[in-house]
């Protein structure tokens, strides 16, 4: 689980690539499923962004503490 918290953007990129490949190579997928997958990827992206923002804020706080 620590890998997921450490590298969420990498995992998100892999997920997005896999979804794109599946949609491309499996042409018989229903449109509703493709739209659901796209919405899920966008939702996960929001979570990844919040995680990265939290990590950035925490790193900034550590920098402030180191300078004092």
Protein backbone atom coordinates (compact mmCIF):
# COMPACT_ATOMS: atom_id res chain seq x y z
CA UNK A 1 0.00 0.00 0.00
CA UNK A 2 2.91 2.37 0.57
CA UNK A 3 3.84 2.03 -3.13
CA UNK A 4 0.39 3.32 -4.06
CA UNK A 5 0.76 6.32 -1.76
CA UNK A 6 4.29 7.00 -2.97
CA UNK A 7 3.60 6.73 -6.72
CA UNK A 8 -0.06 7.48 -7.43
CA UNK A 9 0.66 9.46 -10.60
CA UNK A 10 2.59 6.56 -12.13
CA UNK A 11 -0.19 4.13 -11.36
CA UNK A 12 -2.74 6.57 -12.79
CA UNK A 13 -0.75 6.83 -16.02
CA UNK A 14 -0.66 3.04 -16.32
CA UNK A 15 -4.40 2.83 -15.67
CA UNK A 16 -5.17 5.46 -18.29
CA UNK A 17 -2.95 3.70 -20.84
CA UNK A 18 -4.57 0.33 -20.16
CA UNK A 19 -8.06 1.79 -20.55
CA UNK A 20 -7.06 3.41 -23.85
CA UNK A 21 -5.55 0.16 -25.13
CA UNK A 22 -8.59 -1.89 -24.14
CA UNK A 23 -10.93 0.56 -25.85
CA UNK A 24 -8.78 0.49 -28.98
CA UNK A 25 -8.25 -3.27 -29.24
CA UNK A 26 -11.70 -4.42 -28.12
CA UNK A 27 -14.02 -2.70 -30.60
CA UNK A 28 -17.15 -4.52 -29.44
CA UNK A 29 -17.34 -2.71 -26.11
CA UNK A 30 -20.61 -0.88 -25.56
CA UNK A 31 -20.47 2.92 -25.58
CA UNK A 32 -21.88 3.09 -22.05
CA UNK A 33 -18.99 0.99 -20.73
CA UNK A 34 -16.45 3.18 -22.49
CA UNK A 35 -18.02 6.31 -21.00
CA UNK A 36 -18.08 4.69 -17.55
CA UNK A 37 -14.39 3.81 -17.85
CA UNK A 38 -13.58 7.37 -18.93
CA UNK A 39 -15.51 8.77 -15.97
CA UNK A 40 -13.74 6.38 -13.60
CA UNK A 41 -10.34 7.41 -14.94
CA UNK A 42 -11.23 11.08 -14.47
CA UNK A 43 -12.39 10.38 -10.92
CA UNK A 44 -9.19 8.56 -10.09
CA UNK A 45 -7.25 11.46 -11.58
CA UNK A 46 -8.90 13.81 -9.12
CA UNK A 47 -7.83 11.56 -6.25
CA UNK A 48 -4.28 11.42 -7.59
CA UNK A 49 -4.17 15.20 -7.85
CA UNK A 50 -5.28 15.60 -4.24
CA UNK A 51 -2.69 13.08 -3.07
CA UNK A 52 0.07 14.85 -4.96
CA UNK A 53 -1.07 18.22 -3.60
CA UNK A 54 -0.91 16.83 -0.06
CA UNK A 55 2.60 15.50 -0.66
CA UNK A 56 3.70 18.86 -2.10
CA UNK A 57 2.29 20.77 0.87
CA UNK A 58 3.99 18.38 3.29
CA UNK A 59 7.31 18.83 1.48
CA UNK A 60 6.89 22.60 1.64
CA UNK A 61 6.25 22.41 5.37
CA UNK A 62 9.42 20.36 5.82
CA UNK A 63 11.38 22.99 3.89
CA UNK A 64 10.03 25.72 6.15
CA UNK A 65 11.03 23.73 9.24
CA UNK A 66 14.54 23.11 7.89
CA UNK A 67 15.12 26.84 7.35
CA UNK A 68 14.26 27.83 10.91
